[in-house]
Amino acid sequence: MTRLFAGTPFDRPPRCETCGELEGACVCPPPAPLRIPPGEQTAAVTVEKRKKGKVATVIRGLPEEGNDLPDLLTQLKNHCGTGGTRHGDELELQGDQRQRVCEQLKKLGFRVK
């Protein structure tokens, strides 16, 4: 009986590119995640009105890949003393926090518009 991919690269089990061991037996540390420097990113800070007259500060323009958005959200929530959440690549904070958020993002090295 012949296998479908016999003799091709798909027939061989995957190996680690660093040490050459089988992926299951590899002990190499995982690669560091790609991080985009804050100075190369621009965050758009806006205020939106929600249901029942509530106001939320929304930060857009920061990609999920290359950023640690949960950590950034935690820093902003602690700085502003308010609650917040993350929806994909958008960060939301309760209330009108534009001034504080802009100051903190600039302090962290982000460009703000």
Protein backbone atom coordinates (compact mmCIF):
# COMPACT_ATOMS: atom_id res chain seq x y z
CA MET A 1 0.00 0.00 0.00
CA THR A 2 1.40 3.41 -0.95
CA ARG A 3 0.69 6.54 0.97
CA LEU A 4 -0.70 9.62 -0.72
CA PHE A 5 2.28 11.86 0.04
CA ALA A 6 5.02 9.19 0.26
CA GLY A 7 8.44 10.68 -0.43
CA THR A 8 7.30 14.33 -0.25
CA PRO A 9 7.89 16.87 2.54
CA PHE A 10 4.29 16.29 3.65
CA ASP A 11 5.11 12.64 4.42
CA ARG A 12 7.69 13.57 7.07
CA PRO A 13 6.71 14.67 10.59
CA PRO A 14 7.29 18.38 11.31
CA ARG A 15 10.62 19.32 12.89
CA CYS A 16 11.78 22.35 14.86
CA GLU A 17 13.59 24.90 12.68
CA THR A 18 16.03 25.74 15.48
CA CYS A 19 17.22 22.39 16.86
CA GLY A 20 15.99 19.93 14.21
CA GLU A 21 14.15 17.70 16.71
CA LEU A 22 10.59 16.51 16.17
CA GLU A 23 8.13 19.22 17.21
CA GLY A 24 6.76 17.00 19.98
CA ALA A 25 10.25 16.46 21.47
CA CYS A 26 11.58 20.00 20.98
CA VAL A 27 12.65 21.85 24.14
CA CYS A 28 13.46 25.20 22.49
CA PRO A 29 11.80 28.25 24.11
CA PRO A 30 8.91 29.69 22.10
CA PRO A 31 9.79 32.67 19.90
CA ALA A 32 9.22 36.10 21.39
CA PRO A 33 6.02 37.75 20.15
CA LEU A 34 6.43 40.48 17.56
CA ARG A 35 6.04 43.89 19.23
CA ILE A 36 5.50 47.15 17.35
CA PRO A 37 7.24 50.10 19.05
CA PRO A 38 4.70 52.59 20.49
CA GLY A 39 6.31 55.48 18.58
CA GLU A 40 5.27 53.87 15.27
CA GLN A 41 1.58 53.69 16.23
CA THR A 42 -1.16 56.28 16.37
CA ALA A 43 -4.13 55.88 18.70
CA ALA A 44 -7.42 57.62 17.95
CA VAL A 45 -9.20 58.64 21.16
CA THR A 46 -12.89 59.50 20.89
CA VAL A 47 -15.89 59.81 23.18
CA GLU A 48 -19.13 58.05 22.25
CA LYS A 49 -22.57 58.24 23.78
CA ARG A 50 -24.12 54.91 24.82
CA LYS A 51 -27.54 53.79 25.91
CA LYS A 52 -29.33 55.76 28.62
CA GLY A 53 -26.98 58.75 28.22
CA LYS A 54 -23.84 56.91 29.30
CA VAL A 55 -20.52 58.12 27.86
CA ALA A 56 -17.55 55.93 26.93
CA THR A 57 -14.01 56.80 25.83
CA VAL A 58 -12.94 54.61 22.89
CA ILE A 59 -9.32 54.04 21.78
CA ARG A 60 -8.90 52.78 18.21
CA GLY A 61 -6.04 52.31 15.78
CA LEU A 62 -3.83 49.96 17.80
CA PRO A 63 -3.56 46.52 16.13
CA GLU A 64 -4.01 43.35 18.19
CA GLU A 65 -0.88 41.81 16.65
CA GLY A 66 2.16 43.60 17.98
CA ASN A 67 0.54 44.98 21.12
CA ASP A 68 -0.40 43.67 24.53
CA LEU A 69 -3.86 45.25 24.55
CA PRO A 70 -5.09 43.58 27.78
CA ASP A 71 -2.07 44.97 29.65
CA LEU A 72 -2.52 48.43 28.07
CA LEU A 73 -6.21 48.40 29.04
CA THR A 74 -5.28 47.52 32.63
CA GLN A 75 -2.77 50.39 32.76
CA LEU A 76 -5.34 52.87 31.41
CA LYS A 77 -8.07 51.66 33.78
CA ASN A 78 -5.73 52.01 36.77
CA HIS A 79 -4.56 55.45 35.66
CA CYS A 80 -8.11 56.74 35.15
CA GLY A 81 -9.65 54.91 38.10
CA THR A 82 -12.51 53.57 36.02
CA GLY A 83 -13.81 50.38 34.43
CA GLY A 84 -13.36 49.33 30.86
CA THR A 85 -13.40 46.54 28.32
CA ARG A 86 -11.81 45.39 25.07
CA HIS A 87 -13.69 44.53 21.87
CA GLY A 88 -11.18 43.13 19.37
CA ASP A 89 -8.72 45.96 18.75
CA GLU A 90 -10.88 48.65 20.44
CA LEU A 91 -10.43 49.65 24.06
CA GLU A 92 -13.37 51.23 25.92
CA LEU A 93 -13.27 53.10 29.21
CA GLN A 94 -16.27 54.30 31.17
CA GLY A 95 -16.88 58.03 31.18
CA ASP A 96 -15.20 60.94 29.41
CA GLN A 97 -11.52 60.15 30.06
CA ARG A 98 -10.01 61.76 26.92
CA GLN A 99 -7.56 64.02 28.73
CA ARG A 100 -6.21 61.35 31.09
CA VAL A 101 -6.01 58.68 28.35
CA CYS A 102 -4.17 61.02 25.96
CA GLU A 103 -1.68 61.96 28.68
CA GLN A 104 -1.02 58.33 29.60
CA LEU A 105 -0.69 57.15 25.98
CA LYS A 106 1.79 59.96 25.25
CA LYS A 107 3.70 59.04 28.40
CA LEU A 108 3.91 55.43 27.12
CA GLY A 109 5.24 56.70 23.77
CA PHE A 110 2.16 56.41 21.52
CA ARG A 111 1.13 59.12 19.09
CA VAL A 112 -2.41 60.37 19.77
CA LYS A 113 -4.92 62.07 17.53
